[in-house]
N, C-alpha and C. Protein backbone atom coordinates (compact mmCIF):
# COMPACT_ATOMS: atom_id res chain seq x y z
N UNK A 1 119.59 49.04 -26.33
CA UNK A 1 118.42 48.54 -25.61
C UNK A 1 118.84 48.01 -24.25
N UNK A 2 118.02 48.30 -23.25
CA UNK A 2 118.33 47.80 -21.92
C UNK A 2 117.88 46.36 -21.77
N UNK A 3 118.75 45.63 -21.15
CA UNK A 3 118.40 44.23 -20.92
C UNK A 3 117.55 44.12 -19.64
N UNK A 4 116.53 43.37 -19.77
CA UNK A 4 115.70 43.15 -18.60
C UNK A 4 116.30 42.04 -17.75
N UNK A 5 116.33 42.33 -16.49
CA UNK A 5 116.84 41.31 -15.58
C UNK A 5 115.87 40.15 -15.47
N UNK A 6 116.48 38.98 -15.56
CA UNK A 6 115.64 37.78 -15.43
C UNK A 6 115.17 37.66 -13.99
N UNK A 7 113.91 37.56 -13.82
CA UNK A 7 113.33 37.42 -12.50
C UNK A 7 112.66 36.07 -12.38
N UNK A 8 112.99 35.40 -11.29
CA UNK A 8 112.38 34.11 -11.04
C UNK A 8 110.94 34.29 -10.61
N UNK A 9 110.19 33.24 -10.58
CA UNK A 9 108.79 33.34 -10.18
C UNK A 9 108.68 33.77 -8.73
N UNK A 10 107.86 34.77 -8.49
CA UNK A 10 107.66 35.25 -7.13
C UNK A 10 106.79 34.27 -6.36
N UNK A 11 107.22 34.03 -5.15
CA UNK A 11 106.45 33.11 -4.31
C UNK A 11 105.22 33.82 -3.77
N UNK A 12 104.03 33.32 -4.07
CA UNK A 12 102.83 33.99 -3.60
C UNK A 12 102.69 33.84 -2.09
N UNK A 13 102.09 34.82 -1.44
CA UNK A 13 101.89 34.71 -0.01
C UNK A 13 100.95 33.56 0.33
N UNK A 14 101.18 33.03 1.52
CA UNK A 14 100.34 31.90 1.94
C UNK A 14 98.92 32.39 2.14
N UNK A 15 97.98 31.76 1.48
CA UNK A 15 96.59 32.19 1.56
C UNK A 15 95.74 31.27 2.40
N UNK A 16 96.34 30.27 3.02
CA UNK A 16 95.56 29.41 3.89
C UNK A 16 95.54 27.99 3.40
N UNK A 17 95.33 27.03 4.33
CA UNK A 17 95.41 25.63 3.96
C UNK A 17 94.23 25.13 3.15
N UNK A 18 93.11 25.78 3.25
CA UNK A 18 91.91 25.28 2.59
C UNK A 18 91.57 26.06 1.33
N UNK A 19 92.45 26.99 0.95
CA UNK A 19 92.22 27.75 -0.27
C UNK A 19 91.03 28.66 -0.19
N UNK A 20 90.72 29.23 1.02
CA UNK A 20 89.55 30.07 1.18
C UNK A 20 89.79 31.51 0.73
N UNK A 21 91.02 31.98 0.70
CA UNK A 21 91.28 33.37 0.36
C UNK A 21 91.04 33.62 -1.12
N UNK A 22 90.39 34.74 -1.40
CA UNK A 22 90.15 35.15 -2.78
C UNK A 22 90.59 36.61 -2.92
N UNK A 23 91.58 36.83 -3.76
CA UNK A 23 92.07 38.19 -3.95
C UNK A 23 90.97 39.06 -4.52
N UNK A 24 90.93 40.29 -4.06
CA UNK A 24 89.92 41.22 -4.53
C UNK A 24 90.24 42.63 -4.11
N UNK A 25 89.40 43.56 -4.51
CA UNK A 25 89.60 44.98 -4.21
C UNK A 25 88.41 45.58 -3.49
N UNK A 26 87.57 44.74 -2.89
CA UNK A 26 86.41 45.26 -2.19
C UNK A 26 86.83 45.98 -0.92
N UNK A 27 85.89 46.68 -0.32
CA UNK A 27 86.19 47.42 0.90
C UNK A 27 86.63 46.49 2.02
N UNK A 28 86.09 45.28 2.04
CA UNK A 28 86.44 44.35 3.11
C UNK A 28 87.85 43.79 2.91
N UNK A 29 88.30 43.67 1.67
CA UNK A 29 89.67 43.25 1.42
C UNK A 29 90.67 44.29 1.93
N UNK A 30 90.26 45.55 1.92
CA UNK A 30 91.17 46.62 2.33
C UNK A 30 91.21 46.83 3.83
N UNK A 31 90.23 46.26 4.54
CA UNK A 31 90.22 46.38 6.00
C UNK A 31 91.25 45.44 6.59
N UNK A 32 91.95 45.88 7.63
CA UNK A 32 92.96 45.05 8.27
C UNK A 32 92.36 43.85 8.98
N UNK A 33 93.18 42.83 9.28
CA UNK A 33 92.67 41.63 9.93
C UNK A 33 92.15 41.89 11.34
N UNK A 34 92.76 42.86 12.05
CA UNK A 34 92.33 43.14 13.42
C UNK A 34 90.87 43.55 13.51
N UNK A 35 90.46 44.59 12.77
CA UNK A 35 89.05 44.98 12.82
C UNK A 35 88.09 43.88 12.38
N UNK A 36 88.50 43.08 11.41
CA UNK A 36 87.61 42.02 10.95
C UNK A 36 87.42 40.94 12.02
N UNK A 37 88.50 40.57 12.68
CA UNK A 37 88.40 39.58 13.75
C UNK A 37 87.59 40.15 14.91
N UNK A 38 87.81 41.43 15.22
CA UNK A 38 87.04 42.07 16.28
C UNK A 38 85.55 42.10 15.94
N UNK A 39 85.24 42.41 14.67
CA UNK A 39 83.85 42.40 14.24
C UNK A 39 83.23 41.02 14.33
N UNK A 40 84.02 40.00 14.01
CA UNK A 40 83.52 38.64 14.13
C UNK A 40 83.22 38.30 15.58
N UNK A 41 84.08 38.77 16.50
CA UNK A 41 83.83 38.54 17.91
C UNK A 41 82.58 39.24 18.40
N UNK A 42 82.37 40.49 17.94
CA UNK A 42 81.16 41.22 18.32
C UNK A 42 79.92 40.51 17.80
N UNK A 43 80.00 40.01 16.57
CA UNK A 43 78.87 39.27 16.01
C UNK A 43 78.57 38.02 16.83
N UNK A 44 79.63 37.31 17.26
CA UNK A 44 79.41 36.13 18.07
C UNK A 44 78.73 36.45 19.38
N UNK A 45 79.14 37.56 20.01
CA UNK A 45 78.49 37.97 21.26
C UNK A 45 77.03 38.35 21.02
N UNK A 46 76.78 39.05 19.91
CA UNK A 46 75.42 39.46 19.60
C UNK A 46 74.52 38.25 19.34
N UNK A 47 75.05 37.26 18.65
CA UNK A 47 74.27 36.06 18.36
C UNK A 47 73.87 35.35 19.64
N UNK A 48 74.79 35.31 20.61
CA UNK A 48 74.50 34.62 21.87
C UNK A 48 73.60 35.47 22.77
N UNK A 49 73.88 36.77 22.83
CA UNK A 49 73.17 37.62 23.79
C UNK A 49 71.77 38.01 23.33
N UNK A 50 71.59 38.23 22.03
CA UNK A 50 70.31 38.69 21.51
C UNK A 50 69.47 37.50 21.06
N UNK A 51 68.24 37.48 21.47
CA UNK A 51 67.35 36.38 21.12
C UNK A 51 66.14 36.92 20.37
N UNK A 52 65.42 36.02 19.75
CA UNK A 52 64.25 36.40 18.99
C UNK A 52 64.44 36.19 17.50
N UNK A 53 63.39 35.81 16.82
CA UNK A 53 63.46 35.51 15.39
C UNK A 53 63.81 36.74 14.58
N UNK A 54 63.23 37.91 14.96
CA UNK A 54 63.48 39.13 14.20
C UNK A 54 64.96 39.51 14.26
N UNK A 55 65.54 39.44 15.47
CA UNK A 55 66.96 39.77 15.63
C UNK A 55 67.83 38.78 14.88
N UNK A 56 67.47 37.51 14.96
CA UNK A 56 68.24 36.48 14.26
C UNK A 56 68.22 36.71 12.75
N UNK A 57 67.05 37.03 12.21
CA UNK A 57 66.96 37.31 10.78
C UNK A 57 67.76 38.56 10.40
N UNK A 58 67.74 39.57 11.26
CA UNK A 58 68.47 40.80 10.97
C UNK A 58 69.98 40.54 10.92
N UNK A 59 70.50 39.79 11.89
CA UNK A 59 71.93 39.47 11.90
C UNK A 59 72.31 38.63 10.68
N UNK A 60 71.44 37.70 10.31
CA UNK A 60 71.72 36.86 9.13
C UNK A 60 71.74 37.70 7.86
N UNK A 61 70.79 38.63 7.72
CA UNK A 61 70.74 39.47 6.53
C UNK A 61 71.95 40.39 6.45
N UNK A 62 72.38 40.93 7.59
CA UNK A 62 73.57 41.78 7.60
C UNK A 62 74.80 40.99 7.17
N UNK A 63 74.90 39.75 7.65
CA UNK A 63 76.05 38.91 7.28
C UNK A 63 76.03 38.58 5.79
N UNK A 64 74.86 38.25 5.26
CA UNK A 64 74.74 37.95 3.82
C UNK A 64 75.08 39.19 3.00
N UNK A 65 74.59 40.35 3.43
CA UNK A 65 74.90 41.59 2.71
C UNK A 65 76.40 41.88 2.73
N UNK A 66 77.06 41.59 3.85
CA UNK A 66 78.50 41.79 3.93
C UNK A 66 79.23 40.87 2.96
N UNK A 67 78.78 39.61 2.90
CA UNK A 67 79.40 38.66 1.97
C UNK A 67 79.21 39.09 0.52
N UNK A 68 78.02 39.61 0.19
CA UNK A 68 77.76 40.07 -1.17
C UNK A 68 78.61 41.29 -1.50
N UNK A 69 78.76 42.20 -0.54
CA UNK A 69 79.53 43.41 -0.79
C UNK A 69 81.02 43.10 -0.97
N UNK A 70 81.48 41.98 -0.41
CA UNK A 70 82.88 41.58 -0.58
C UNK A 70 83.13 40.94 -1.94
N UNK A 71 82.07 40.71 -2.71
CA UNK A 71 82.17 40.15 -4.06
C UNK A 71 82.92 38.81 -4.07
N UNK A 72 82.49 37.93 -3.17
CA UNK A 72 83.11 36.61 -3.10
C UNK A 72 82.49 35.69 -4.14
N UNK A 73 83.28 34.75 -4.67
CA UNK A 73 82.72 33.79 -5.64
C UNK A 73 81.61 32.97 -5.01
N UNK A 74 80.48 32.92 -5.68
CA UNK A 74 79.32 32.24 -5.13
C UNK A 74 79.57 30.74 -4.96
N UNK A 75 80.24 30.13 -5.94
CA UNK A 75 80.41 28.68 -5.91
C UNK A 75 81.28 28.25 -4.74
N UNK A 76 82.45 28.87 -4.56
CA UNK A 76 83.35 28.45 -3.49
C UNK A 76 82.77 28.80 -2.12
N UNK A 77 82.10 29.94 -2.02
CA UNK A 77 81.49 30.31 -0.74
C UNK A 77 80.39 29.33 -0.36
N UNK A 78 79.57 28.95 -1.33
CA UNK A 78 78.51 27.98 -1.06
C UNK A 78 79.10 26.63 -0.67
N UNK A 79 80.20 26.25 -1.34
CA UNK A 79 80.84 24.98 -0.99
C UNK A 79 81.36 24.99 0.44
N UNK A 80 81.87 26.13 0.88
CA UNK A 80 82.39 26.23 2.24
C UNK A 80 81.30 26.18 3.29
N UNK A 81 80.12 26.72 2.95
CA UNK A 81 79.04 26.82 3.93
C UNK A 81 78.10 25.62 3.87
N UNK A 82 78.10 24.87 2.77
CA UNK A 82 77.13 23.79 2.58
C UNK A 82 77.15 22.76 3.70
N UNK A 83 78.31 22.25 4.15
CA UNK A 83 78.27 21.27 5.25
C UNK A 83 77.60 21.82 6.50
N UNK A 84 77.79 23.11 6.76
CA UNK A 84 77.18 23.72 7.94
C UNK A 84 75.68 23.87 7.75
N UNK A 85 75.26 24.10 6.51
CA UNK A 85 73.82 24.17 6.25
C UNK A 85 73.13 22.86 6.60
N UNK A 86 73.77 21.76 6.24
CA UNK A 86 73.19 20.45 6.58
C UNK A 86 73.15 20.24 8.08
N UNK A 87 74.24 20.63 8.77
CA UNK A 87 74.27 20.50 10.23
C UNK A 87 73.22 21.40 10.87
N UNK A 88 73.12 22.63 10.38
CA UNK A 88 72.14 23.57 10.94
C UNK A 88 70.72 23.07 10.72
N UNK A 89 70.47 22.45 9.57
CA UNK A 89 69.13 21.91 9.31
C UNK A 89 68.81 20.78 10.29
N UNK A 90 69.80 19.94 10.56
CA UNK A 90 69.58 18.84 11.51
C UNK A 90 69.34 19.35 12.92
N UNK A 91 70.21 20.27 13.35
CA UNK A 91 70.06 20.82 14.70
C UNK A 91 68.76 21.61 14.82
N UNK A 92 68.44 22.40 13.78
CA UNK A 92 67.21 23.16 13.81
C UNK A 92 65.98 22.27 13.87
N UNK A 93 65.99 21.16 13.11
CA UNK A 93 64.85 20.24 13.14
C UNK A 93 64.68 19.63 14.53
N UNK A 94 65.79 19.31 15.18
CA UNK A 94 65.70 18.76 16.53
C UNK A 94 65.12 19.79 17.50
N UNK A 95 65.54 21.05 17.38
CA UNK A 95 65.02 22.09 18.24
C UNK A 95 63.54 22.36 17.97
N UNK A 96 63.13 22.25 16.71
CA UNK A 96 61.71 22.39 16.39
C UNK A 96 60.90 21.32 17.09
N UNK A 97 61.42 20.11 17.09
CA UNK A 97 60.73 18.99 17.75
C UNK A 97 60.69 19.17 19.26
N UNK A 98 61.79 19.70 19.83
CA UNK A 98 61.87 19.80 21.28
C UNK A 98 61.26 21.11 21.82
N UNK A 99 61.50 22.23 21.13
CA UNK A 99 61.16 23.52 21.72
C UNK A 99 60.32 24.42 20.81
N UNK A 100 59.99 23.95 19.62
CA UNK A 100 59.11 24.74 18.78
C UNK A 100 59.82 25.33 17.58
N UNK A 101 59.06 25.77 16.57
CA UNK A 101 59.66 26.27 15.32
C UNK A 101 60.47 27.55 15.50
N UNK A 102 60.06 28.45 16.41
CA UNK A 102 60.79 29.70 16.58
C UNK A 102 62.22 29.45 17.07
N UNK A 103 62.36 28.60 18.06
CA UNK A 103 63.69 28.29 18.59
C UNK A 103 64.51 27.53 17.56
N UNK A 104 63.86 26.60 16.84
CA UNK A 104 64.58 25.84 15.83
C UNK A 104 65.13 26.74 14.73
N UNK A 105 64.32 27.70 14.27
CA UNK A 105 64.78 28.64 13.25
C UNK A 105 65.91 29.51 13.78
N UNK A 106 65.79 29.95 15.02
CA UNK A 106 66.81 30.81 15.61
C UNK A 106 68.14 30.08 15.74
N UNK A 107 68.12 28.86 16.25
CA UNK A 107 69.36 28.10 16.44
C UNK A 107 70.03 27.81 15.10
N UNK A 108 69.25 27.37 14.11
CA UNK A 108 69.83 27.05 12.81
C UNK A 108 70.41 28.27 12.12
N UNK A 109 69.68 29.38 12.14
CA UNK A 109 70.18 30.60 11.49
C UNK A 109 71.40 31.18 12.20
N UNK A 110 71.43 31.09 13.53
CA UNK A 110 72.60 31.59 14.26
C UNK A 110 73.86 30.84 13.86
N UNK A 111 73.74 29.52 13.72
CA UNK A 111 74.90 28.71 13.33
C UNK A 111 75.38 29.09 11.94
N UNK A 112 74.45 29.22 11.00
CA UNK A 112 74.82 29.58 9.63
C UNK A 112 75.42 30.98 9.58
N UNK A 113 74.87 31.90 10.36
CA UNK A 113 75.37 33.28 10.38
C UNK A 113 76.82 33.34 10.83
N UNK A 114 77.14 32.64 11.91
CA UNK A 114 78.51 32.65 12.42
C UNK A 114 79.49 32.03 11.44
N UNK A 115 79.11 30.91 10.85
CA UNK A 115 80.02 30.24 9.91
C UNK A 115 80.20 31.08 8.65
N UNK A 116 79.14 31.69 8.16
CA UNK A 116 79.26 32.54 6.98
C UNK A 116 80.15 33.75 7.27
N UNK A 117 79.99 34.32 8.45
CA UNK A 117 80.83 35.47 8.82
C UNK A 117 82.30 35.06 8.90
N UNK A 118 82.57 33.91 9.50
CA UNK A 118 83.95 33.43 9.58
C UNK A 118 84.50 33.14 8.18
N UNK A 119 83.66 32.63 7.30
CA UNK A 119 84.09 32.37 5.93
C UNK A 119 84.44 33.68 5.20
N UNK A 120 83.65 34.71 5.45
CA UNK A 120 83.93 36.01 4.82
C UNK A 120 85.27 36.55 5.31
N UNK A 121 85.57 36.39 6.60
CA UNK A 121 86.84 36.88 7.15
C UNK A 121 88.01 36.14 6.51
N UNK A 122 87.93 34.82 6.45
CA UNK A 122 89.05 34.05 5.87
C UNK A 122 89.15 34.22 4.36
N UNK A 123 88.04 34.53 3.71
CA UNK A 123 88.07 34.71 2.26
C UNK A 123 88.61 36.07 1.85
N UNK A 124 88.62 37.02 2.77
CA UNK A 124 89.10 38.37 2.44
C UNK A 124 90.40 38.71 3.16
N UNK A 125 90.99 37.75 3.87
CA UNK A 125 92.22 38.00 4.63
C UNK A 125 93.17 36.84 4.42
N UNK A 126 94.41 37.14 4.09
CA UNK A 126 95.42 36.10 3.95
C UNK A 126 95.72 35.49 5.31
N UNK A 127 96.03 34.19 5.31
CA UNK A 127 96.27 33.49 6.56
C UNK A 127 97.48 34.04 7.29
N UNK A 128 98.52 34.44 6.55
CA UNK A 128 99.69 34.99 7.23
C UNK A 128 99.37 36.30 7.92
N UNK A 129 98.45 37.10 7.35
CA UNK A 129 98.04 38.33 8.02
C UNK A 129 97.25 38.03 9.28
N UNK A 130 96.42 36.99 9.24
CA UNK A 130 95.69 36.60 10.44
C UNK A 130 96.64 36.15 11.55
N UNK A 131 97.67 35.40 11.17
CA UNK A 131 98.64 34.94 12.18
C UNK A 131 99.43 36.12 12.74
N UNK A 132 99.76 37.09 11.90
CA UNK A 132 100.45 38.29 12.39
C UNK A 132 99.57 39.04 13.39
N UNK A 133 98.29 39.14 13.08
CA UNK A 133 97.36 39.80 14.01
C UNK A 133 97.26 39.02 15.31
N UNK A 134 97.31 37.68 15.21
CA UNK A 134 97.27 36.85 16.41
C UNK A 134 98.49 37.11 17.29
N UNK A 135 99.65 37.25 16.66
CA UNK A 135 100.87 37.53 17.42
C UNK A 135 100.75 38.86 18.16
N UNK A 136 100.22 39.87 17.47
CA UNK A 136 100.06 41.18 18.11
C UNK A 136 99.04 41.12 19.24
N UNK A 137 97.96 40.37 19.02
CA UNK A 137 96.93 40.28 20.05
C UNK A 137 97.39 39.53 21.29
N UNK A 138 98.30 38.56 21.11
CA UNK A 138 98.80 37.78 22.25
C UNK A 138 100.05 38.39 22.86
N UNK A 139 100.40 39.60 22.46
CA UNK A 139 101.59 40.25 22.98
C UNK A 139 101.66 40.30 24.50
N UNK A 140 100.55 40.57 25.22
CA UNK A 140 100.62 40.62 26.69
C UNK A 140 101.08 39.31 27.33
N UNK A 141 101.00 38.19 26.62
CA UNK A 141 101.43 36.92 27.21
C UNK A 141 102.93 36.86 27.45
N UNK A 142 103.67 37.79 26.85
CA UNK A 142 105.11 37.82 27.09
C UNK A 142 105.42 38.06 28.56
N UNK A 143 104.52 38.73 29.24
CA UNK A 143 104.75 39.05 30.65
C UNK A 143 104.75 37.80 31.52
N UNK A 144 104.09 36.74 31.06
CA UNK A 144 104.05 35.50 31.84
C UNK A 144 104.99 34.44 31.25
N UNK A 145 105.86 34.86 30.35
CA UNK A 145 106.88 33.96 29.83
C UNK A 145 106.51 33.21 28.57
N UNK A 146 105.35 33.49 27.98
CA UNK A 146 104.94 32.81 26.76
C UNK A 146 105.33 33.63 25.54
N UNK A 147 105.69 32.95 24.47
CA UNK A 147 106.10 33.62 23.23
C UNK A 147 104.97 33.53 22.21
N UNK A 148 104.34 34.64 21.89
CA UNK A 148 103.24 34.61 20.90
C UNK A 148 103.68 34.09 19.54
N UNK A 149 104.93 34.35 19.14
CA UNK A 149 105.41 33.88 17.84
C UNK A 149 105.39 32.36 17.76
N UNK A 150 105.78 31.71 18.86
CA UNK A 150 105.80 30.25 18.87
C UNK A 150 104.38 29.70 18.79
N UNK A 151 103.46 30.32 19.52
CA UNK A 151 102.06 29.87 19.47
C UNK A 151 101.48 30.05 18.08
N UNK A 152 101.75 31.20 17.47
CA UNK A 152 101.24 31.44 16.11
C UNK A 152 101.85 30.46 15.12
N UNK A 153 103.15 30.16 15.29
CA UNK A 153 103.79 29.20 14.39
C UNK A 153 103.16 27.82 14.55
N UNK A 154 102.84 27.44 15.80
CA UNK A 154 102.22 26.14 16.03
C UNK A 154 100.85 26.06 15.36
N UNK A 155 100.08 27.15 15.45
CA UNK A 155 98.78 27.17 14.79
C UNK A 155 98.94 27.12 13.28
N UNK A 156 99.93 27.86 12.76
CA UNK A 156 100.17 27.83 11.32
C UNK A 156 100.57 26.45 10.83
N UNK A 157 101.44 25.77 11.59
CA UNK A 157 101.84 24.41 11.21
C UNK A 157 100.65 23.47 11.24
N UNK A 158 99.79 23.63 12.24
CA UNK A 158 98.61 22.77 12.32
C UNK A 158 97.70 22.98 11.12
N UNK A 159 97.51 24.25 10.75
CA UNK A 159 96.64 24.53 9.61
C UNK A 159 97.26 24.03 8.30
N UNK A 160 98.58 24.18 8.18
CA UNK A 160 99.24 23.70 6.97
C UNK A 160 99.21 22.18 6.87
N UNK A 161 99.10 21.50 8.02
CA UNK A 161 99.10 20.04 8.01
C UNK A 161 97.78 19.46 7.52
N UNK A 162 96.71 20.27 7.57
CA UNK A 162 95.39 19.75 7.20
C UNK A 162 95.36 19.25 5.75
N UNK A 163 95.76 20.07 4.75
CA UNK A 163 95.70 19.56 3.37
C UNK A 163 96.64 18.40 3.15
N UNK A 164 97.80 18.38 3.85
CA UNK A 164 98.71 17.25 3.69
C UNK A 164 98.10 15.95 4.18
N UNK A 165 97.41 16.01 5.31
CA UNK A 165 96.76 14.80 5.84
C UNK A 165 95.61 14.35 4.93
N UNK A 166 94.87 15.32 4.39
CA UNK A 166 93.79 14.96 3.47
C UNK A 166 94.34 14.30 2.21
N UNK A 167 95.45 14.84 1.70
CA UNK A 167 96.07 14.25 0.51
C UNK A 167 96.59 12.85 0.80
N UNK A 168 97.19 12.66 1.98
CA UNK A 168 97.68 11.34 2.36
C UNK A 168 96.53 10.34 2.44
N UNK A 169 95.43 10.75 3.06
CA UNK A 169 94.28 9.85 3.17
C UNK A 169 93.74 9.48 1.79
N UNK A 170 93.70 10.46 0.88
CA UNK A 170 93.21 10.18 -0.47
C UNK A 170 94.13 9.20 -1.20
N UNK A 171 95.44 9.42 -1.11
CA UNK A 171 96.39 8.53 -1.78
C UNK A 171 96.32 7.11 -1.22
N UNK A 172 96.22 7.00 0.09
CA UNK A 172 96.14 5.67 0.71
C UNK A 172 94.85 4.97 0.29
N UNK A 173 93.76 5.68 0.25
CA UNK A 173 92.49 5.08 -0.15
C UNK A 173 92.53 4.62 -1.59
N UNK A 174 93.13 5.43 -2.48
CA UNK A 174 93.23 5.03 -3.88
C UNK A 174 94.14 3.82 -4.05
N UNK A 175 95.23 3.77 -3.29
CA UNK A 175 96.12 2.60 -3.36
C UNK A 175 95.41 1.35 -2.88
N UNK A 176 94.62 1.47 -1.83
CA UNK A 176 93.87 0.31 -1.33
C UNK A 176 92.81 -0.13 -2.33
N UNK A 177 92.18 0.84 -2.99
CA UNK A 177 91.16 0.50 -3.98
C UNK A 177 91.79 -0.22 -5.18
N UNK A 178 93.02 0.19 -5.55
CA UNK A 178 93.70 -0.47 -6.67
C UNK A 178 94.01 -1.92 -6.36
N UNK A 179 94.19 -2.24 -5.07
CA UNK A 179 94.46 -3.62 -4.68
C UNK A 179 93.20 -4.37 -4.29
N UNK A 180 92.05 -3.73 -4.42
CA UNK A 180 90.79 -4.37 -4.06
C UNK A 180 90.57 -4.47 -2.57
N UNK A 181 91.22 -3.58 -1.78
CA UNK A 181 91.14 -3.66 -0.32
C UNK A 181 90.49 -2.41 0.27
N UNK A 182 89.64 -1.74 -0.52
CA UNK A 182 89.08 -0.50 -0.03
C UNK A 182 88.16 -0.70 1.17
N UNK A 183 87.66 -1.92 1.37
CA UNK A 183 86.78 -2.19 2.51
C UNK A 183 87.54 -2.71 3.73
N UNK A 184 88.83 -2.87 3.62
CA UNK A 184 89.64 -3.36 4.73
C UNK A 184 90.22 -2.16 5.48
N UNK A 185 89.79 -1.92 6.72
CA UNK A 185 90.32 -0.75 7.45
C UNK A 185 91.83 -0.81 7.64
N UNK A 186 92.40 -2.00 7.77
CA UNK A 186 93.84 -2.10 7.98
C UNK A 186 94.63 -1.63 6.77
N UNK A 187 94.03 -1.72 5.59
CA UNK A 187 94.73 -1.30 4.37
C UNK A 187 94.71 0.21 4.18
N UNK A 188 93.91 0.93 4.98
CA UNK A 188 93.83 2.38 4.84
C UNK A 188 94.30 3.10 6.11
N UNK A 189 93.85 2.63 7.28
CA UNK A 189 94.18 3.32 8.52
C UNK A 189 95.66 3.21 8.87
N UNK A 190 96.20 1.99 8.78
CA UNK A 190 97.60 1.79 9.18
C UNK A 190 98.57 2.58 8.29
N UNK A 191 98.48 2.48 6.97
CA UNK A 191 99.40 3.28 6.13
C UNK A 191 99.23 4.78 6.33
N UNK A 192 97.98 5.22 6.50
CA UNK A 192 97.76 6.66 6.71
C UNK A 192 98.38 7.12 8.02
N UNK A 193 98.25 6.31 9.07
CA UNK A 193 98.84 6.67 10.36
C UNK A 193 100.36 6.71 10.28
N UNK A 194 100.96 5.72 9.60
CA UNK A 194 102.42 5.68 9.47
C UNK A 194 102.93 6.90 8.72
N UNK A 195 102.26 7.26 7.64
CA UNK A 195 102.71 8.41 6.85
C UNK A 195 102.50 9.72 7.61
N UNK A 196 101.41 9.80 8.40
CA UNK A 196 101.18 11.00 9.18
C UNK A 196 102.26 11.17 10.25
N UNK A 197 102.63 10.06 10.90
CA UNK A 197 103.69 10.14 11.91
C UNK A 197 105.02 10.51 11.26
N UNK A 198 105.31 9.93 10.10
CA UNK A 198 106.56 10.25 9.40
C UNK A 198 106.58 11.73 9.02
N UNK A 199 105.45 12.26 8.61
CA UNK A 199 105.39 13.68 8.24
C UNK A 199 105.64 14.56 9.46
N UNK A 200 105.04 14.18 10.59
CA UNK A 200 105.23 14.95 11.82
C UNK A 200 106.69 14.91 12.27
N UNK A 201 107.32 13.73 12.17
CA UNK A 201 108.72 13.63 12.58
C UNK A 201 109.64 14.45 11.69
N UNK A 202 109.38 14.42 10.39
CA UNK A 202 110.23 15.21 9.49
C UNK A 202 110.07 16.70 9.75
N UNK A 203 108.84 17.12 10.06
CA UNK A 203 108.63 18.53 10.39
C UNK A 203 109.35 18.90 11.68
N UNK A 204 109.26 18.03 12.68
CA UNK A 204 109.94 18.29 13.94
C UNK A 204 111.45 18.34 13.77
N UNK A 205 112.00 17.43 12.97
CA UNK A 205 113.45 17.44 12.73
C UNK A 205 113.88 18.71 12.00
N UNK A 206 113.07 19.16 11.04
CA UNK A 206 113.41 20.39 10.32
C UNK A 206 113.38 21.60 11.26
N UNK A 207 112.41 21.65 12.17
CA UNK A 207 112.35 22.74 13.11
C UNK A 207 113.54 22.69 14.09
N UNK A 208 113.87 21.47 14.54
CA UNK A 208 115.01 21.34 15.46
C UNK A 208 116.30 21.75 14.80
N UNK A 209 116.45 21.43 13.50
CA UNK A 209 117.68 21.80 12.79
C UNK A 209 117.84 23.31 12.68
N UNK A 210 116.72 24.03 12.73
CA UNK A 210 116.78 25.49 12.66
C UNK A 210 116.79 26.14 14.04
N UNK A 211 116.86 25.30 15.07
CA UNK A 211 116.94 25.83 16.43
C UNK A 211 115.63 26.31 17.00
N UNK A 212 114.51 25.93 16.38
CA UNK A 212 113.21 26.36 16.89
C UNK A 212 112.87 25.52 18.12
N UNK A 213 112.49 26.17 19.19
CA UNK A 213 112.12 25.47 20.39
C UNK A 213 113.24 25.34 21.39
N UNK A 214 114.44 25.81 21.04
CA UNK A 214 115.56 25.74 21.99
C UNK A 214 115.37 26.75 23.12
């Protein structure tokens, strides 16, 4: 009998700091990051350039149909879009008061359409693939002395820092609550700031040790 080689656990590819990526086999999962980002840009231009309730509804329906065809989980997608729905409702209500119901509906739907489209892109594309596409897109900057790899790495580090900062804030708040100081800003802001600075310094030292930025 042949012995099977022991294999350690494979490290999964980075799927993004907010856990938006969902593995799947839909047609949109198979499309490369470049065309998807380009399509998102075209949609943004269309939302700004085209006006009217009918056009706004058409763009929103196309975006919803794209999200459905990608077979994204309804619960996580709704959770990602829900804060924007509240913002869009507030902004739309203000526009209704100032400029009428047609403009209010158009502004609110445009905002939701763009955010939903961006959510579909991030949910069907791994973050490392997006960063690779960013490096390729910024290739012409080499002519002026800028390194696209460094810029992409900076963006990746920033995105990776988001969940760490959220976790730090949660831990600090729970520690303050355990001491009965949850209402004291000094018991939450100061420790969170100190830990955030310490995290940034350790990251910088690790990058310097590897010669990044020399």
